[in-house]
Amino acid sequence: MSQKRYWLRGMVITIVLYIVIYFVLRLVDDFGLAISVLSPGTWFIVGIDGVNASTKHLMQFIASTLIWAVVGALLGGLYGKIKNRNSFSG
């Protein structure tokens, strides 16, 4: 099991960074524009009617975490492909 799973590393690092930045901005900005821009889940949750604000914030946080997990996995997988290609060529 010497194969390194860069996609998993990228996903975990991205999720941790997102959560830390999210809560720091949440404390400082009280869910302002900076969090809305940082959180792509906001783009999907804004149009939902009939739920209270705290439920929308939770839905936005979960959706954004999943989106950033996919982005991190893709970036980590791409990094792994490039790194493996360079290690075999030289």
PDB file of N, CA and C in Angstrom:
ATOM      1  N   MET A   1       0.839  -1.178   0.000  1.00  0.00           N
ATOM      2  CA  MET A   1       0.000   0.000   0.000  1.00  0.00           C
ATOM      3  C   MET A   1       0.888   1.246   0.000  1.00  0.00           C
ATOM      4  N   SER A   2       1.828   1.291  -0.917  1.00  0.00           N
ATOM      5  CA  SER A   2       2.730   2.428  -0.997  1.00  0.00           C
ATOM      6  C   SER A   2       2.168   3.542  -1.874  1.00  0.00           C
ATOM      7  N   GLN A   3       1.034   3.303  -2.535  1.00  0.00           N
ATOM      8  CA  GLN A   3       0.435   4.317  -3.392  1.00  0.00           C
ATOM      9  C   GLN A   3      -0.151   5.440  -2.532  1.00  0.00           C
ATOM     10  N   LYS A   4       0.231   6.648  -2.866  1.00  0.00           N
ATOM     11  CA  LYS A   4      -0.262   7.800  -2.111  1.00  0.00           C
ATOM     12  C   LYS A   4      -1.544   8.303  -2.755  1.00  0.00           C
ATOM     13  N   ARG A   5      -2.526   8.553  -1.948  1.00  0.00           N
ATOM     14  CA  ARG A   5      -3.822   9.014  -2.432  1.00  0.00           C
ATOM     15  C   ARG A   5      -3.882  10.535  -2.342  1.00  0.00           C
ATOM     16  N   TYR A   6      -3.382  11.174  -3.381  1.00  0.00           N
ATOM     17  CA  TYR A   6      -3.336  12.631  -3.383  1.00  0.00           C
ATOM     18  C   TYR A   6      -4.725  13.240  -3.455  1.00  0.00           C
ATOM     19  N   TRP A   7      -5.676  12.558  -4.086  1.00  0.00           N
ATOM     20  CA  TRP A   7      -7.032  13.096  -4.159  1.00  0.00           C
ATOM     21  C   TRP A   7      -7.637  13.193  -2.769  1.00  0.00           C
ATOM     22  N   LEU A   8      -7.345  12.193  -1.911  1.00  0.00           N
ATOM     23  CA  LEU A   8      -7.870  12.209  -0.545  1.00  0.00           C
ATOM     24  C   LEU A   8      -7.195  13.289   0.283  1.00  0.00           C
ATOM     25  N   ARG A   9      -5.887  13.420   0.109  1.00  0.00           N
ATOM     26  CA  ARG A   9      -5.164  14.475   0.818  1.00  0.00           C
ATOM     27  C   ARG A   9      -5.675  15.852   0.404  1.00  0.00           C
ATOM     28  N   GLY A  10      -5.861  16.053  -0.893  1.00  0.00           N
ATOM     29  CA  GLY A  10      -6.369  17.329  -1.372  1.00  0.00           C
ATOM     30  C   GLY A  10      -7.755  17.635  -0.833  1.00  0.00           C
ATOM     31  N   MET A  11      -8.602  16.596  -0.771  1.00  0.00           N
ATOM     32  CA  MET A  11      -9.954  16.783  -0.264  1.00  0.00           C
ATOM     33  C   MET A  11      -9.934  17.158   1.220  1.00  0.00           C
ATOM     34  N   VAL A  12      -9.152  16.460   2.017  1.00  0.00           N
ATOM     35  CA  VAL A  12      -9.103  16.732   3.457  1.00  0.00           C
ATOM     36  C   VAL A  12      -8.523  18.117   3.727  1.00  0.00           C
ATOM     37  N   ILE A  13      -7.435  18.463   3.039  1.00  0.00           N
ATOM     38  CA  ILE A  13      -6.825  19.773   3.235  1.00  0.00           C
ATOM     39  C   ILE A  13      -7.793  20.885   2.853  1.00  0.00           C
ATOM     40  N   THR A  14      -8.494  20.718   1.752  1.00  0.00           N
ATOM     41  CA  THR A  14      -9.441  21.739   1.304  1.00  0.00           C
ATOM     42  C   THR A  14     -10.601  21.886   2.281  1.00  0.00           C
ATOM     43  N   ILE A  15     -11.123  20.781   2.778  1.00  0.00           N
ATOM     44  CA  ILE A  15     -12.228  20.852   3.749  1.00  0.00           C
ATOM     45  C   ILE A  15     -11.782  21.546   5.027  1.00  0.00           C
ATOM     46  N   VAL A  16     -10.610  21.189   5.534  1.00  0.00           N
ATOM     47  CA  VAL A  16     -10.116  21.804   6.769  1.00  0.00           C
ATOM     48  C   VAL A  16      -9.903  23.298   6.574  1.00  0.00           C
ATOM     49  N   LEU A  17      -9.271  23.684   5.456  1.00  0.00           N
ATOM     50  CA  LEU A  17      -9.065  25.108   5.188  1.00  0.00           C
ATOM     51  C   LEU A  17     -10.391  25.852   5.073  1.00  0.00           C
ATOM     52  N   TYR A  18     -11.357  25.260   4.377  1.00  0.00           N
ATOM     53  CA  TYR A  18     -12.653  25.916   4.228  1.00  0.00           C
ATOM     54  C   TYR A  18     -13.335  26.096   5.582  1.00  0.00           C
ATOM     55  N   ILE A  19     -13.330  25.068   6.407  1.00  0.00           N
ATOM     56  CA  ILE A  19     -13.999  25.160   7.705  1.00  0.00           C
ATOM     57  C   ILE A  19     -13.343  26.207   8.588  1.00  0.00           C
ATOM     58  N   VAL A  20     -12.019  26.246   8.614  1.00  0.00           N
ATOM     59  CA  VAL A  20     -11.316  27.239   9.437  1.00  0.00           C
ATOM     60  C   VAL A  20     -11.621  28.648   8.944  1.00  0.00           C
ATOM     61  N   ILE A  21     -11.497  28.870   7.647  1.00  0.00           N
ATOM     62  CA  ILE A  21     -11.761  30.198   7.093  1.00  0.00           C
ATOM     63  C   ILE A  21     -13.227  30.582   7.295  1.00  0.00           C
ATOM     64  N   TYR A  22     -14.126  29.634   7.129  1.00  0.00           N
ATOM     65  CA  TYR A  22     -15.557  29.890   7.309  1.00  0.00           C
ATOM     66  C   TYR A  22     -15.857  30.389   8.723  1.00  0.00           C
ATOM     67  N   PHE A  23     -15.345  29.687   9.731  1.00  0.00           N
ATOM     68  CA  PHE A  23     -15.664  30.076  11.099  1.00  0.00           C
ATOM     69  C   PHE A  23     -14.957  31.358  11.523  1.00  0.00           C
ATOM     70  N   VAL A  24     -13.752  31.598  11.011  1.00  0.00           N
ATOM     71  CA  VAL A  24     -13.084  32.860  11.309  1.00  0.00           C
ATOM     72  C   VAL A  24     -13.872  34.024  10.705  1.00  0.00           C
ATOM     73  N   LEU A  25     -14.282  33.881   9.443  1.00  0.00           N
ATOM     74  CA  LEU A  25     -15.075  34.939   8.826  1.00  0.00           C
ATOM     75  C   LEU A  25     -16.445  35.065   9.470  1.00  0.00           C
ATOM     76  N   ARG A  26     -16.982  33.976   9.919  1.00  0.00           N
ATOM     77  CA  ARG A  26     -18.292  34.013  10.588  1.00  0.00           C
ATOM     78  C   ARG A  26     -18.214  34.820  11.885  1.00  0.00           C
ATOM     79  N   LEU A  27     -17.109  34.653  12.623  1.00  0.00           N
ATOM     80  CA  LEU A  27     -16.931  35.408  13.865  1.00  0.00           C
ATOM     81  C   LEU A  27     -16.675  36.883  13.593  1.00  0.00           C
ATOM     82  N   VAL A  28     -15.917  37.180  12.568  1.00  0.00           N
ATOM     83  CA  VAL A  28     -15.541  38.556  12.279  1.00  0.00           C
ATOM     84  C   VAL A  28     -16.646  39.299  11.541  1.00  0.00           C
ATOM     85  N   ASP A  29     -17.188  38.677  10.507  1.00  0.00           N
ATOM     86  CA  ASP A  29     -18.079  39.377   9.577  1.00  0.00           C
ATOM     87  C   ASP A  29     -19.555  39.093   9.821  1.00  0.00           C
ATOM     88  N   ASP A  30     -19.875  38.148  10.672  1.00  0.00           N
ATOM     89  CA  ASP A  30     -21.256  37.777  10.970  1.00  0.00           C
ATOM     90  C   ASP A  30     -22.037  37.448   9.700  1.00  0.00           C
ATOM     91  N   PHE A  31     -21.474  36.538   8.906  1.00  0.00           N
ATOM     92  CA  PHE A  31     -22.107  35.995   7.703  1.00  0.00           C
ATOM     93  C   PHE A  31     -22.370  37.059   6.651  1.00  0.00           C
ATOM     94  N   GLY A  32     -21.355  37.806   6.338  1.00  0.00           N
ATOM     95  CA  GLY A  32     -21.499  38.879   5.364  1.00  0.00           C
ATOM     96  C   GLY A  32     -21.103  38.462   3.962  1.00  0.00           C
ATOM     97  N   LEU A  33     -20.688  39.438   3.200  1.00  0.00           N
ATOM     98  CA  LEU A  33     -20.376  39.233   1.795  1.00  0.00           C
ATOM     99  C   LEU A  33     -19.191  38.293   1.596  1.00  0.00           C
ATOM    100  N   ALA A  34     -18.191  38.359   2.459  1.00  0.00           N
ATOM    101  CA  ALA A  34     -17.005  37.516   2.305  1.00  0.00           C
ATOM    102  C   ALA A  34     -17.364  36.037   2.366  1.00  0.00           C
ATOM    103  N   ILE A  35     -18.238  35.647   3.252  1.00  0.00           N
ATOM    104  CA  ILE A  35     -18.647  34.250   3.352  1.00  0.00           C
ATOM    105  C   ILE A  35     -19.496  33.861   2.144  1.00  0.00           C
ATOM    106  N   SER A  36     -20.322  34.762   1.677  1.00  0.00           N
ATOM    107  CA  SER A  36     -21.162  34.467   0.514  1.00  0.00           C
ATOM    108  C   SER A  36     -20.324  34.196  -0.723  1.00  0.00           C
ATOM    109  N   VAL A  37     -19.256  34.948  -0.896  1.00  0.00           N
ATOM    110  CA  VAL A  37     -18.390  34.752  -2.044  1.00  0.00           C
ATOM    111  C   VAL A  37     -17.576  33.469  -1.883  1.00  0.00           C
ATOM    112  N   LEU A  38     -17.103  33.197  -0.672  1.00  0.00           N
ATOM    113  CA  LEU A  38     -16.286  32.022  -0.401  1.00  0.00           C
ATOM    114  C   LEU A  38     -17.094  30.728  -0.485  1.00  0.00           C
ATOM    115  N   SER A  39     -18.380  30.801  -0.246  1.00  0.00           N
ATOM    116  CA  SER A  39     -19.215  29.616  -0.156  1.00  0.00           C
ATOM    117  C   SER A  39     -20.053  29.431  -1.411  1.00  0.00           C
ATOM    118  N   PRO A  40     -19.652  28.525  -2.292  1.00  0.00           N
ATOM    119  CA  PRO A  40     -20.443  28.316  -3.503  1.00  0.00           C
ATOM    120  C   PRO A  40     -21.813  27.700  -3.227  1.00  0.00           C
ATOM    121  N   GLY A  41     -22.019  27.114  -2.060  1.00  0.00           N
ATOM    122  CA  GLY A  41     -23.324  26.571  -1.701  1.00  0.00           C
ATOM    123  C   GLY A  41     -24.387  27.638  -1.596  1.00  0.00           C
ATOM    124  N   THR A  42     -23.973  28.878  -1.359  1.00  0.00           N
ATOM    125  CA  THR A  42     -24.907  29.996  -1.273  1.00  0.00           C
ATOM    126  C   THR A  42     -25.637  30.189  -2.588  1.00  0.00           C
ATOM    127  N   TRP A  43     -24.960  29.945  -3.672  1.00  0.00           N
ATOM    128  CA  TRP A  43     -25.559  30.141  -4.990  1.00  0.00           C
ATOM    129  C   TRP A  43     -26.749  29.216  -5.217  1.00  0.00           C
ATOM    130  N   PHE A  44     -26.747  28.042  -4.580  1.00  0.00           N
ATOM    131  CA  PHE A  44     -27.832  27.077  -4.754  1.00  0.00           C
ATOM    132  C   PHE A  44     -28.945  27.246  -3.720  1.00  0.00           C
ATOM    133  N   ILE A  45     -28.596  27.768  -2.551  1.00  0.00           N
ATOM    134  CA  ILE A  45     -29.535  27.817  -1.439  1.00  0.00           C
ATOM    135  C   ILE A  45     -30.357  29.103  -1.424  1.00  0.00           C
ATOM    136  N   VAL A  46     -29.909  30.152  -2.094  1.00  0.00           N
ATOM    137  CA  VAL A  46     -30.571  31.453  -2.031  1.00  0.00           C
ATOM    138  C   VAL A  46     -32.024  31.375  -2.492  1.00  0.00           C
ATOM    139  N   GLY A  47     -32.304  30.594  -3.510  1.00  0.00           N
ATOM    140  CA  GLY A  47     -33.652  30.543  -4.068  1.00  0.00           C
ATOM    141  C   GLY A  47     -34.645  29.705  -3.292  1.00  0.00           C
ATOM    142  N   ILE A  48     -34.239  29.049  -2.224  1.00  0.00           N
ATOM    143  CA  ILE A  48     -35.148  28.191  -1.463  1.00  0.00           C
ATOM    144  C   ILE A  48     -35.979  29.051  -0.515  1.00  0.00           C
ATOM    145  N   ASP A  49     -37.291  28.922  -0.604  1.00  0.00           N
ATOM    146  CA  ASP A  49     -38.196  29.674   0.263  1.00  0.00           C
ATOM    147  C   ASP A  49     -38.836  28.728   1.275  1.00  0.00           C
ATOM    148  N   GLY A  50     -39.328  29.288   2.349  1.00  0.00           N
ATOM    149  CA  GLY A  50     -40.081  28.515   3.313  1.00  0.00           C
ATOM    150  C   GLY A  50     -39.254  27.905   4.437  1.00  0.00           C
ATOM    151  N   VAL A  51     -37.986  28.252   4.536  1.00  0.00           N
ATOM    152  CA  VAL A  51     -37.170  27.764   5.655  1.00  0.00           C
ATOM    153  C   VAL A  51     -36.577  28.962   6.372  1.00  0.00           C
ATOM    154  N   ASN A  52     -36.275  28.776   7.654  1.00  0.00           N
ATOM    155  CA  ASN A  52     -35.738  29.900   8.417  1.00  0.00           C
ATOM    156  C   ASN A  52     -34.258  30.110   8.112  1.00  0.00           C
ATOM    157  N   ALA A  53     -33.711  31.198   8.618  1.00  0.00           N
ATOM    158  CA  ALA A  53     -32.342  31.596   8.282  1.00  0.00           C
ATOM    159  C   ALA A  53     -31.310  30.594   8.783  1.00  0.00           C
ATOM    160  N   SER A  54     -31.484  30.048   9.974  1.00  0.00           N
ATOM    161  CA  SER A  54     -30.479  29.122  10.497  1.00  0.00           C
ATOM    162  C   SER A  54     -30.438  27.828   9.681  1.00  0.00           C
ATOM    163  N   THR A  55     -31.591  27.387   9.197  1.00  0.00           N
ATOM    164  CA  THR A  55     -31.611  26.202   8.342  1.00  0.00           C
ATOM    165  C   THR A  55     -30.934  26.486   7.008  1.00  0.00           C
ATOM    166  N   LYS A  56     -31.160  27.687   6.464  1.00  0.00           N
ATOM    167  CA  LYS A  56     -30.485  28.065   5.225  1.00  0.00           C
ATOM    168  C   LYS A  56     -28.976  28.114   5.415  1.00  0.00           C
ATOM    169  N   HIS A  57     -28.519  28.635   6.549  1.00  0.00           N
ATOM    170  CA  HIS A  57     -27.084  28.703   6.806  1.00  0.00           C
ATOM    171  C   HIS A  57     -26.483  27.309   6.919  1.00  0.00           C
ATOM    172  N   LEU A  58     -27.193  26.405   7.569  1.00  0.00           N
ATOM    173  CA  LEU A  58     -26.708  25.030   7.682  1.00  0.00           C
ATOM    174  C   LEU A  58     -26.677  24.347   6.315  1.00  0.00           C
ATOM    175  N   MET A  59     -27.725  24.534   5.531  1.00  0.00           N
ATOM    176  CA  MET A  59     -27.754  23.948   4.186  1.00  0.00           C
ATOM    177  C   MET A  59     -26.636  24.517   3.323  1.00  0.00           C
ATOM    178  N   GLN A  60     -26.390  25.799   3.442  1.00  0.00           N
ATOM    179  CA  GLN A  60     -25.324  26.455   2.688  1.00  0.00           C
ATOM    180  C   GLN A  60     -23.973  25.921   3.101  1.00  0.00           C
ATOM    181  N   PHE A  61     -23.763  25.736   4.394  1.00  0.00           N
ATOM    182  CA  PHE A  61     -22.484  25.221   4.892  1.00  0.00           C
ATOM    183  C   PHE A  61     -22.236  23.803   4.387  1.00  0.00           C
ATOM    184  N   ILE A  62     -23.244  22.950   4.437  1.00  0.00           N
ATOM    185  CA  ILE A  62     -23.092  21.562   3.981  1.00  0.00           C
ATOM    186  C   ILE A  62     -22.848  21.516   2.471  1.00  0.00           C
ATOM    187  N   ALA A  63     -23.619  22.281   1.715  1.00  0.00           N
ATOM    188  CA  ALA A  63     -23.440  22.294   0.259  1.00  0.00           C
ATOM    189  C   ALA A  63     -22.066  22.825  -0.121  1.00  0.00           C
ATOM    190  N   SER A  64     -21.626  23.875   0.534  1.00  0.00           N
ATOM    191  CA  SER A  64     -20.314  24.444   0.227  1.00  0.00           C
ATOM    192  C   SER A  64     -19.192  23.489   0.610  1.00  0.00           C
ATOM    193  N   THR A  65     -19.332  22.801   1.742  1.00  0.00           N
ATOM    194  CA  THR A  65     -18.314  21.839   2.156  1.00  0.00           C
ATOM    195  C   THR A  65     -18.198  20.717   1.135  1.00  0.00           C
ATOM    196  N   LEU A  66     -19.326  20.230   0.642  1.00  0.00           N
ATOM    197  CA  LEU A  66     -19.287  19.174  -0.375  1.00  0.00           C
ATOM    198  C   LEU A  66     -18.664  19.663  -1.684  1.00  0.00           C
ATOM    199  N   ILE A  67     -19.001  20.881  -2.080  1.00  0.00           N
ATOM    200  CA  ILE A  67     -18.426  21.432  -3.311  1.00  0.00           C
ATOM    201  C   ILE A  67     -16.919  21.601  -3.169  1.00  0.00           C
ATOM    202  N   TRP A  68     -16.464  22.145  -2.029  1.00  0.00           N
ATOM    203  CA  TRP A  68     -15.021  22.309  -1.831  1.00  0.00           C
ATOM    204  C   TRP A  68     -14.323  20.958  -1.698  1.00  0.00           C
ATOM    205  N   ALA A  69     -15.001  19.933  -1.179  1.00  0.00           N
ATOM    206  CA  ALA A  69     -14.415  18.591  -1.110  1.00  0.00           C
ATOM    207  C   ALA A  69     -14.159  18.048  -2.508  1.00  0.00           C
ATOM    208  N   VAL A  70     -15.110  18.242  -3.400  1.00  0.00           N
ATOM    209  CA  VAL A  70     -14.936  17.785  -4.789  1.00  0.00           C
ATOM    210  C   VAL A  70     -13.805  18.558  -5.466  1.00  0.00           C
ATOM    211  N   VAL A  71     -13.768  19.871  -5.258  1.00  0.00           N
ATOM    212  CA  VAL A  71     -12.692  20.682  -5.846  1.00  0.00           C
ATOM    213  C   VAL A  71     -11.335  20.228  -5.318  1.00  0.00           C
ATOM    214  N   GLY A  72     -11.241  19.988  -4.019  1.00  0.00           N
ATOM    215  CA  GLY A  72      -9.977  19.527  -3.435  1.00  0.00           C
ATOM    216  C   GLY A  72      -9.566  18.161  -3.945  1.00  0.00           C
ATOM    217  N   ALA A  73     -10.532  17.259  -4.106  1.00  0.00           N
ATOM    218  CA  ALA A  73     -10.227  15.935  -4.635  1.00  0.00           C
ATOM    219  C   ALA A  73      -9.738  16.019  -6.078  1.00  0.00           C
ATOM    220  N   LEU A  74     -10.358  16.868  -6.871  1.00  0.00           N
ATOM    221  CA  LEU A  74      -9.913  17.042  -8.255  1.00  0.00           C
ATOM    222  C   LEU A  74      -8.512  17.641  -8.328  1.00  0.00           C
ATOM    223  N   LEU A  75      -8.261  18.659  -7.515  1.00  0.00           N
ATOM    224  CA  LEU A  75      -6.930  19.266  -7.512  1.00  0.00           C
ATOM    225  C   LEU A  75      -5.868  18.290  -6.995  1.00  0.00           C
ATOM    226  N   GLY A  76      -6.190  17.538  -5.950  1.00  0.00           N
ATOM    227  CA  GLY A  76      -5.253  16.548  -5.428  1.00  0.00           C
ATOM    228  C   GLY A  76      -4.987  15.438  -6.422  1.00  0.00           C
ATOM    229  N   GLY A  77      -6.021  14.982  -7.111  1.00  0.00           N
ATOM    230  CA  GLY A  77      -5.844  13.955  -8.141  1.00  0.00           C
ATOM    231  C   GLY A  77      -4.999  14.453  -9.293  1.00  0.00           C
ATOM    232  N   LEU A  78      -5.215  15.691  -9.698  1.00  0.00           N
ATOM    233  CA  LEU A  78      -4.409  16.291 -10.762  1.00  0.00           C
ATOM    234  C   LEU A  78      -2.951  16.421 -10.332  1.00  0.00           C
ATOM    235  N   TYR A  79      -2.731  16.842  -9.096  1.00  0.00           N
ATOM    236  CA  TYR A  79      -1.374  16.943  -8.565  1.00  0.00           C
ATOM    237  C   TYR A  79      -0.699  15.574  -8.555  1.00  0.00           C
ATOM    238  N   GLY A  80      -1.433  14.539  -8.140  1.00  0.00           N
ATOM    239  CA  GLY A  80      -0.885  13.192  -8.114  1.00  0.00           C
ATOM    240  C   GLY A  80      -0.514  12.689  -9.506  1.00  0.00           C
ATOM    241  N   LYS A  81      -1.362  12.967 -10.484  1.00  0.00           N
ATOM    242  CA  LYS A  81      -1.063  12.565 -11.865  1.00  0.00           C
ATOM    243  C   LYS A  81       0.202  13.243 -12.376  1.00  0.00           C
ATOM    244  N   ILE A  82       0.320  14.541 -12.122  1.00  0.00           N
ATOM    245  CA  ILE A  82       1.496  15.280 -12.578  1.00  0.00           C
ATOM    246  C   ILE A  82       2.748  14.794 -11.855  1.00  0.00           C
ATOM    247  N   LYS A  83       2.642  14.584 -10.568  1.00  0.00           N
ATOM    248  CA  LYS A  83       3.798  14.143  -9.794  1.00  0.00           C
ATOM    249  C   LYS A  83       4.242  12.745 -10.222  1.00  0.00           C
ATOM    250  N   ASN A  84       3.296  11.841 -10.446  1.00  0.00           N
ATOM    251  CA  ASN A  84       3.647  10.492 -10.894  1.00  0.00           C
ATOM    252  C   ASN A  84       4.254  10.502 -12.283  1.00  0.00           C
ATOM    253  N   ARG A  85       3.778  11.333 -13.165  1.00  0.00           N
ATOM    254  CA  ARG A  85       4.329  11.425 -14.515  1.00  0.00           C
ATOM    255  C   ARG A  85       5.774  11.922 -14.463  1.00  0.00           C
ATOM    256  N   ASN A  86       6.033  12.915 -13.616  1.00  0.00           N
ATOM    257  CA  ASN A  86       7.394  13.453 -13.506  1.00  0.00           C
ATOM    258  C   ASN A  86       8.335  12.489 -12.830  1.00  0.00           C
ATOM    259  N   SER A  87       7.870  11.664 -11.898  1.00  0.00           N
ATOM    260  CA  SER A  87       8.756  10.740 -11.205  1.00  0.00           C
ATOM    261  C   SER A  87       9.158   9.562 -12.093  1.00  0.00           C
ATOM    262  N   PHE A  88       8.313   9.184 -13.053  1.00  0.00           N
ATOM    263  CA  PHE A  88       8.641   8.067 -13.940  1.00  0.00           C
ATOM    264  C   PHE A  88       9.514   8.495 -15.115  1.00  0.00           C
ATOM    265  N   SER A  89       9.498   9.757 -15.462  1.00  0.00           N
ATOM    266  CA  SER A  89      10.224  10.204 -16.652  1.00  0.00           C
ATOM    267  C   SER A  89      11.694  10.496 -16.376  1.00  0.00           C
ATOM    268  N   GLY A  90      12.081  10.626 -15.142  1.00  0.00           N
ATOM    269  CA  GLY A  90      13.435  11.056 -14.929  1.00  0.00           C
ATOM    270  C   GLY A  90      14.244  10.178 -14.105  1.00  0.00           C
TER     271      GLY A  90
END
